[in-house]
Amino acid sequence: MNPRNSTVLCVAVFLIVVLSASPCFAQYYAYFPTGSAFRFSFMSPAEVDAGMEFVVIVFAEHVSGTRAGTPLFRVTATPSPIIIPIQPTSGEMPMFCDPNWCWLPGPLTGIDQESAKMRFMVDPTAAPGSVLILKVDVSDAGVGWQNEPDIRVRVKCPAGQHWDATANACVLDTHTCPAGQHWDPATNTCVVTPVQCTAPCTHLDPNTNTCVSTCTPGQQCDAASNQCIITCSPGMQRDPLTNTCVSVCPADAQWNPDTKSCQTWLDRYMAWLISGVVVALVAIGILAVFLLTRKKPAPSPGYKPYYPTAPAAPMLKPGAPQAVKPAAHRPMVIARREEEKK
């Protein structure tokens, strides 16, 4: 085998893969009256775009026969207005050859093989889905021409469509993607469908594909204007001119978070005074209740109260009766005597 031809074979396979994602490969054996036998292999793209160039690669290998042979093949495009043969320049030969007649370098003996390429251009007006037919004939140095199966190349359908053999037409692609994804014909894969954020003051986070708030800490959303505005604490209000928080109280008052109202210094003093009086009255009431409800301690077991008694009168001994003085029994009338003295 010629080393140069081996390199050409590898490059040819690489080019055909680049030109088409799904190349067609056909292989035929041809036996000629000259006594030589060749194996012809044809590689062509399955589909091509209208107005684009494509390449057909031909390999010829001597497989049997005692004499050398020179493989010759020709490719006829039909219908010819759709496929335009591209004539090679002198610098491109023998890698590229005339599509109508292509002589591979020869003669070939043993297991020698050669390759060649033919280029064609698809007419820009070719209908999508139409089939380009290339008729192939092979011979040994022009002796014993044999017709081989045609090479068929289809013109690609528009983006988002594919050829349906049953309908015999280009039909829309139908791809089933997971939830939250859709088919992207540009990348030919399922891609994430961006979430539509319709709520006020929200935007799409591309990293999580979720809607997040546009407002920062300390702001709130104004749904009417779809804008984030500053959030004011109790006792403060937003000044729309400066977008800052200002006090809701007049200059001589301050906000009381307990009563949630504005208070002057007199209001605060009276509140403190009333609070003090209330606390004092409550304390006095608690003390009074404590004193009134206090219980005496219960006596210990065996305790008997002591009650003191008056001393007994001395007992007089009986004696002799005393003599009654004269006139002792007569009552004294002091008032009369005083009147008589007057």
Protein backbone atom coordinates (compact mmCIF):
# COMPACT_ATOMS: atom_id res chain seq x y z
CA MET A 1 0.00 0.00 0.00
CA ASN A 2 1.24 3.46 -0.80
CA PRO A 3 1.85 5.39 2.49
CA ARG A 4 0.70 8.58 0.86
CA ASN A 5 -2.58 7.02 -0.08
CA SER A 6 -3.08 5.80 3.48
CA THR A 7 -2.83 9.39 4.68
CA VAL A 8 -5.28 10.52 2.07
CA LEU A 9 -7.73 7.86 3.28
CA CYS A 10 -7.58 9.15 6.90
CA VAL A 11 -8.00 12.77 5.81
CA ALA A 12 -10.90 11.79 3.61
CA VAL A 13 -12.72 10.06 6.47
CA PHE A 14 -12.14 13.10 8.68
CA LEU A 15 -13.53 15.46 6.04
CA ILE A 16 -16.65 13.41 5.44
CA VAL A 17 -17.39 13.32 9.18
CA VAL A 18 -17.01 17.10 9.35
CA LEU A 19 -19.25 17.66 6.34
CA SER A 20 -22.05 15.46 7.62
CA ALA A 21 -23.05 14.19 11.04
CA SER A 22 -24.48 11.01 9.51
CA PRO A 23 -22.42 9.95 6.43
CA CYS A 24 -23.55 7.18 4.14
CA PHE A 25 -21.16 4.37 3.32
CA ALA A 26 -21.64 1.94 0.45
CA GLN A 27 -19.27 -0.83 -0.67
CA TYR A 28 -19.34 -2.91 -3.88
CA TYR A 29 -17.22 -5.65 -5.48
CA ALA A 30 -16.67 -5.46 -9.23
CA TYR A 31 -15.14 -8.25 -11.38
CA PHE A 32 -13.94 -7.30 -14.84
CA PRO A 33 -13.19 -9.31 -18.01
CA THR A 34 -9.57 -8.24 -17.70
CA GLY A 35 -9.19 -10.63 -14.77
CA SER A 36 -8.93 -7.96 -12.11
CA ALA A 37 -11.36 -7.48 -9.24
CA PHE A 38 -11.78 -4.30 -7.21
CA ARG A 39 -13.65 -3.31 -4.10
CA PHE A 40 -15.15 0.16 -4.47
CA SER A 41 -16.27 2.12 -1.40
CA PHE A 42 -18.26 5.34 -1.60
CA MET A 43 -18.79 7.79 1.28
CA SER A 44 -21.26 10.65 0.96
CA PRO A 45 -23.32 12.83 3.30
CA ALA A 46 -26.88 11.80 4.03
CA GLU A 47 -28.15 15.39 3.93
CA VAL A 48 -26.85 18.68 2.59
CA ASP A 49 -28.02 22.29 2.73
CA ALA A 50 -29.25 24.03 -0.40
CA GLY A 51 -26.54 26.18 -1.91
CA MET A 52 -23.76 24.30 -0.09
CA GLU A 53 -20.88 22.16 -1.33
CA PHE A 54 -20.49 18.48 -0.49
CA VAL A 55 -17.86 15.82 -1.19
CA VAL A 56 -18.09 12.21 -2.35
CA ILE A 57 -15.07 10.08 -1.46
CA VAL A 58 -14.23 6.94 -3.48
CA PHE A 59 -11.86 4.15 -2.43
CA ALA A 60 -10.64 1.45 -4.81
CA GLU A 61 -8.77 -1.63 -3.62
CA HIS A 62 -7.33 -4.42 -5.76
CA VAL A 63 -8.66 -7.62 -4.15
CA SER A 64 -7.97 -10.38 -6.69
CA GLY A 65 -6.50 -11.07 -10.10
CA THR A 66 -3.05 -11.87 -11.40
CA ARG A 67 -2.66 -8.77 -13.46
CA ALA A 68 -2.60 -5.12 -12.56
CA GLY A 69 -5.71 -3.07 -13.06
CA THR A 70 -6.56 0.61 -13.28
CA PRO A 71 -9.88 1.41 -11.60
CA LEU A 72 -11.93 4.01 -13.41
CA PHE A 73 -15.27 5.36 -12.29
CA ARG A 74 -17.63 8.07 -13.33
CA VAL A 75 -20.46 9.80 -11.46
CA THR A 76 -23.38 11.34 -13.33
CA ALA A 77 -25.55 13.83 -11.50
CA THR A 78 -29.27 13.69 -12.17
CA PRO A 79 -31.16 15.86 -12.38
CA SER A 80 -28.20 17.94 -13.46
CA PRO A 81 -29.66 21.39 -12.74
CA ILE A 82 -29.79 20.59 -9.01
CA ILE A 83 -26.24 19.27 -8.60
CA ILE A 84 -23.40 21.27 -10.07
CA PRO A 85 -20.05 19.46 -10.47
CA ILE A 86 -17.03 21.40 -9.29
CA GLN A 87 -14.01 21.05 -11.51
CA PRO A 88 -10.73 20.67 -9.61
CA THR A 89 -7.76 22.92 -10.26
CA SER A 90 -4.46 21.48 -11.38
CA GLY A 91 -3.09 21.93 -7.85
CA GLU A 92 -5.90 19.83 -6.36
CA MET A 93 -5.25 16.83 -8.58
CA PRO A 94 -4.99 13.88 -8.17
CA MET A 95 -6.74 14.21 -4.77
CA PHE A 96 -9.70 15.83 -6.53
CA CYS A 97 -10.82 14.74 -9.95
CA ASP A 98 -13.37 15.54 -12.58
CA PRO A 99 -16.75 14.29 -11.27
CA ASN A 100 -17.68 12.93 -14.68
CA TRP A 101 -14.48 10.92 -15.18
CA CYS A 102 -12.08 9.98 -12.44
CA TRP A 103 -8.95 7.92 -13.10
CA LEU A 104 -7.34 6.62 -9.94
CA PRO A 105 -3.57 6.34 -10.12
CA GLY A 106 -2.62 2.90 -11.23
CA PRO A 107 -2.04 0.28 -12.02
CA LEU A 108 -3.00 -1.49 -8.76
CA THR A 109 -1.83 -4.97 -7.87
CA GLY A 110 -1.98 -7.18 -4.82
CA ILE A 111 -3.83 -5.29 -2.11
CA ASP A 112 -2.98 -1.78 -3.31
CA GLN A 113 -5.64 0.88 -2.83
CA GLU A 114 -6.19 4.44 -3.94
CA SER A 115 -8.72 7.14 -3.15
CA ALA A 116 -10.09 10.24 -4.79
CA LYS A 117 -12.66 12.93 -4.03
CA MET A 118 -15.28 14.61 -6.13
CA ARG A 119 -17.01 17.87 -5.17
CA PHE A 120 -20.52 18.98 -5.98
CA MET A 121 -22.55 22.12 -5.34
CA VAL A 122 -26.29 22.02 -4.50
CA ASP A 123 -28.38 24.56 -6.33
CA PRO A 124 -29.57 27.29 -3.91
CA THR A 125 -33.12 26.89 -5.20
CA ALA A 126 -33.24 23.13 -4.49
CA ALA A 127 -36.44 22.27 -2.66
CA PRO A 128 -36.05 21.13 0.97
CA GLY A 129 -36.46 17.38 1.21
CA SER A 130 -35.66 16.74 -2.44
CA VAL A 131 -33.26 13.89 -3.28
CA LEU A 132 -30.05 14.38 -5.24
CA ILE A 133 -29.16 11.27 -7.27
CA LEU A 134 -25.64 10.41 -8.37
CA LYS A 135 -25.32 7.50 -10.81
CA VAL A 136 -22.09 5.51 -10.47
CA ASP A 137 -20.29 3.42 -13.12
CA VAL A 138 -16.96 1.60 -12.63
CA SER A 139 -14.55 -0.16 -14.98
CA ASP A 140 -11.00 -1.40 -15.33
CA ALA A 141 -9.28 1.20 -17.49
CA GLY A 142 -12.53 1.74 -19.39
CA VAL A 143 -13.16 -1.99 -20.00
CA GLY A 144 -16.29 -3.69 -18.72
CA TRP A 145 -18.32 -0.77 -17.45
CA GLN A 146 -20.65 -1.79 -14.62
CA ASN A 147 -23.46 0.19 -13.09
CA GLU A 148 -23.48 0.40 -9.27
CA PRO A 149 -26.35 1.50 -6.95
CA ASP A 150 -27.01 5.22 -6.98
CA ILE A 151 -25.71 7.62 -4.36
CA ARG A 152 -28.63 9.53 -2.84
CA VAL A 153 -28.26 12.77 -0.91
CA ARG A 154 -31.27 14.64 0.51
CA VAL A 155 -31.56 18.41 0.72
CA LYS A 156 -32.00 19.35 4.38
CA CYS A 157 -35.30 20.55 5.75
CA PRO A 158 -35.54 24.04 7.29
CA ALA A 159 -34.45 24.53 10.90
CA GLY A 160 -36.92 23.00 13.33
CA GLN A 161 -38.10 20.42 10.77
CA HIS A 162 -37.04 16.97 9.63
CA TRP A 163 -37.84 14.61 6.78
CA ASP A 164 -40.72 12.24 7.46
CA ALA A 165 -40.62 9.26 5.10
CA THR A 166 -44.21 8.35 5.90
CA ALA A 167 -45.53 11.81 5.11
CA ASN A 168 -42.91 12.20 2.34
CA ALA A 169 -42.40 15.78 3.45
CA CYS A 170 -40.59 17.99 5.94
CA VAL A 171 -42.47 18.06 9.26
CA LEU A 172 -41.96 20.01 12.45
CA ASP A 173 -39.62 18.56 15.03
CA THR A 174 -41.31 17.21 18.13
CA HIS A 175 -39.07 16.85 21.13
CA THR A 176 -40.10 15.99 24.66
CA CYS A 177 -38.15 17.96 27.22
CA PRO A 178 -38.36 17.79 31.03
CA ALA A 179 -40.56 20.23 32.91
CA GLY A 180 -39.13 23.74 32.85
CA GLN A 181 -37.17 23.10 29.63
CA HIS A 182 -37.77 23.53 25.91
CA TRP A 183 -36.13 22.38 22.71
CA ASP A 184 -33.48 24.68 21.25
CA PRO A 185 -32.97 23.94 17.54
CA ALA A 186 -29.75 25.96 17.52
CA THR A 187 -28.04 23.62 20.00
CA ASN A 188 -30.28 20.62 19.20
CA THR A 189 -30.79 20.05 22.93
CA CYS A 190 -33.28 20.78 25.70
CA VAL A 191 -32.49 24.03 27.48
CA VAL A 192 -33.93 25.65 30.59
CA THR A 193 -36.95 27.85 29.93
CA PRO A 194 -36.44 31.22 31.66
CA VAL A 195 -39.10 32.00 34.27
CA GLN A 196 -41.23 35.04 33.52
CA CYS A 197 -41.15 37.38 36.53
CA THR A 198 -44.40 39.36 36.61
CA ALA A 199 -44.59 40.28 40.31
CA PRO A 200 -43.67 43.90 41.13
CA CYS A 201 -40.06 44.60 42.10
CA THR A 202 -38.76 41.16 41.05
CA HIS A 203 -36.21 39.98 38.49
CA LEU A 204 -34.87 36.66 37.21
CA ASP A 205 -31.83 35.09 38.84
CA PRO A 206 -30.15 33.24 35.97
CA ASN A 207 -28.19 31.01 38.35
CA THR A 208 -31.29 29.53 39.99
CA ASN A 209 -33.87 30.40 37.28
CA THR A 210 -36.13 31.84 39.97
CA CYS A 211 -37.65 35.25 40.59
CA VAL A 212 -36.01 37.21 43.39
CA SER A 213 -36.77 40.59 44.94
CA THR A 214 -35.09 43.65 43.50
CA CYS A 215 -35.35 45.48 46.83
CA THR A 216 -32.42 45.50 49.22
CA PRO A 217 -32.64 45.25 53.04
CA GLY A 218 -34.28 48.39 54.38
CA GLN A 219 -36.48 48.80 51.31
CA GLN A 220 -39.98 47.79 50.41
CA CYS A 221 -41.77 47.45 47.09
CA ASP A 222 -44.17 50.10 45.89
CA ALA A 223 -46.45 48.05 43.66
CA ALA A 224 -48.01 51.11 42.07
CA SER A 225 -44.71 52.43 40.73
CA ASN A 226 -42.92 49.04 40.62
CA GLN A 227 -40.03 50.64 42.51
CA CYS A 228 -38.23 49.91 45.76
CA ILE A 229 -38.61 52.61 48.39
CA ILE A 230 -37.01 53.05 51.80
CA THR A 231 -38.65 51.43 54.84
CA CYS A 232 -39.21 53.72 57.85
CA SER A 233 -39.38 52.59 61.48
CA PRO A 234 -42.39 53.36 63.74
CA GLY A 235 -42.65 57.06 64.44
CA MET A 236 -40.99 57.87 61.13
CA GLN A 237 -42.42 58.53 57.71
CA ARG A 238 -40.94 58.64 54.22
CA ASP A 239 -40.29 62.01 52.64
CA PRO A 240 -41.02 61.46 48.94
CA LEU A 241 -38.87 64.43 47.94
CA THR A 242 -35.68 63.22 49.61
CA ASN A 243 -36.57 59.50 49.90
CA THR A 244 -35.49 59.64 53.55
CA CYS A 245 -37.27 58.91 56.82
CA VAL A 246 -38.41 61.89 58.93
CA SER A 247 -40.23 62.05 62.27
CA VAL A 248 -44.01 62.17 62.31
CA CYS A 249 -43.99 64.30 65.53
CA PRO A 250 -43.69 68.10 65.75
CA ALA A 251 -40.49 69.75 66.93
CA ASP A 252 -41.56 69.89 70.62
CA ALA A 253 -42.63 66.23 70.83
CA GLN A 254 -41.10 62.81 70.58
CA TRP A 255 -42.46 59.42 69.52
CA ASN A 256 -43.42 57.11 72.36
CA PRO A 257 -43.19 53.48 71.18
CA ASP A 258 -45.28 52.28 74.15
CA THR A 259 -48.26 54.47 73.40
CA LYS A 260 -47.42 54.74 69.70
CA SER A 261 -48.08 58.45 69.76
CA CYS A 262 -46.25 61.77 69.93
CA GLN A 263 -45.69 63.20 73.46
CA THR A 264 -44.38 66.52 74.69
CA TRP A 265 -42.22 66.88 77.83
CA LEU A 266 -45.33 67.79 79.89
CA ASP A 267 -47.13 64.69 78.67
CA ARG A 268 -44.18 62.56 79.69
CA TYR A 269 -43.92 64.25 83.13
CA MET A 270 -47.64 63.75 83.86
CA ALA A 271 -47.40 60.16 82.72
CA TRP A 272 -44.48 59.51 85.06
CA LEU A 273 -46.31 61.24 87.96
CA ILE A 274 -49.51 59.28 87.43
CA SER A 275 -47.51 56.10 87.17
CA GLY A 276 -45.81 56.87 90.52
CA VAL A 277 -49.10 57.54 92.28
CA VAL A 278 -50.63 54.39 90.91
CA VAL A 279 -47.65 52.33 92.05
CA ALA A 280 -47.83 53.86 95.56
CA LEU A 281 -51.56 53.18 95.91
CA VAL A 282 -51.07 49.63 94.78
CA ALA A 283 -48.31 49.14 97.37
CA ILE A 284 -50.46 50.57 100.16
CA GLY A 285 -53.39 48.35 99.20
CA ILE A 286 -51.19 45.27 99.20
CA LEU A 287 -49.83 46.14 102.68
CA ALA A 288 -53.33 46.73 104.08
CA VAL A 289 -54.57 43.41 102.78
CA PHE A 290 -51.57 41.72 104.33
CA LEU A 291 -52.17 43.21 107.75
CA LEU A 292 -55.89 42.46 107.74
CA THR A 293 -55.56 38.91 106.69
CA ARG A 294 -52.64 38.03 108.94
CA LYS A 295 -53.52 35.11 111.35
CA LYS A 296 -52.46 34.73 115.02
CA PRO A 297 -50.15 31.83 115.72
CA ALA A 298 -51.93 28.70 116.93
CA PRO A 299 -51.19 27.66 120.62
CA SER A 300 -48.88 24.78 121.17
CA PRO A 301 -50.31 21.46 122.32
CA GLY A 302 -50.95 21.32 126.15
CA TYR A 303 -51.11 25.08 126.51
CA LYS A 304 -53.70 26.33 129.09
CA PRO A 305 -54.45 30.03 129.40
CA TYR A 306 -53.88 31.63 132.82
CA TYR A 307 -56.68 33.73 134.28
CA PRO A 308 -55.69 35.72 137.50
CA THR A 309 -58.26 35.80 140.44
CA ALA A 310 -58.96 38.59 143.04
CA PRO A 311 -57.55 37.94 146.56
CA ALA A 312 -60.09 36.64 149.10
CA ALA A 313 -61.31 39.07 151.85
CA PRO A 314 -59.79 38.39 155.28
CA MET A 315 -61.96 36.47 157.60
CA LEU A 316 -62.95 38.48 160.81
CA LYS A 317 -63.12 36.66 164.02
CA PRO A 318 -66.36 37.07 165.97
CA GLY A 319 -65.96 39.29 169.01
CA ALA A 320 -67.97 41.10 171.66
CA PRO A 321 -70.63 43.42 170.38
CA GLN A 322 -69.60 47.01 170.41
CA ALA A 323 -71.53 49.53 172.43
CA VAL A 324 -73.65 51.92 170.49
CA LYS A 325 -73.02 55.50 171.32
CA PRO A 326 -75.97 57.68 172.28
CA ALA A 327 -77.59 59.30 169.39
CA ALA A 328 -75.43 57.38 166.99
CA HIS A 329 -78.43 56.10 165.29
CA ARG A 330 -79.85 59.47 164.54
CA PRO A 331 -79.24 60.75 161.04
CA MET A 332 -77.40 63.98 160.59
CA VAL A 333 -79.13 66.57 158.54
CA ILE A 334 -76.43 68.91 157.50
CA ALA A 335 -78.42 71.00 155.15
CA ARG A 336 -81.02 71.94 157.73
CA ARG A 337 -78.47 73.07 160.19
CA GLU A 338 -76.98 75.30 157.61
CA GLU A 339 -80.35 76.84 156.98
CA GLU A 340 -80.90 77.39 160.66
CA LYS A 341 -77.66 79.21 160.98
CA LYS A 342 -78.88 81.66 158.43
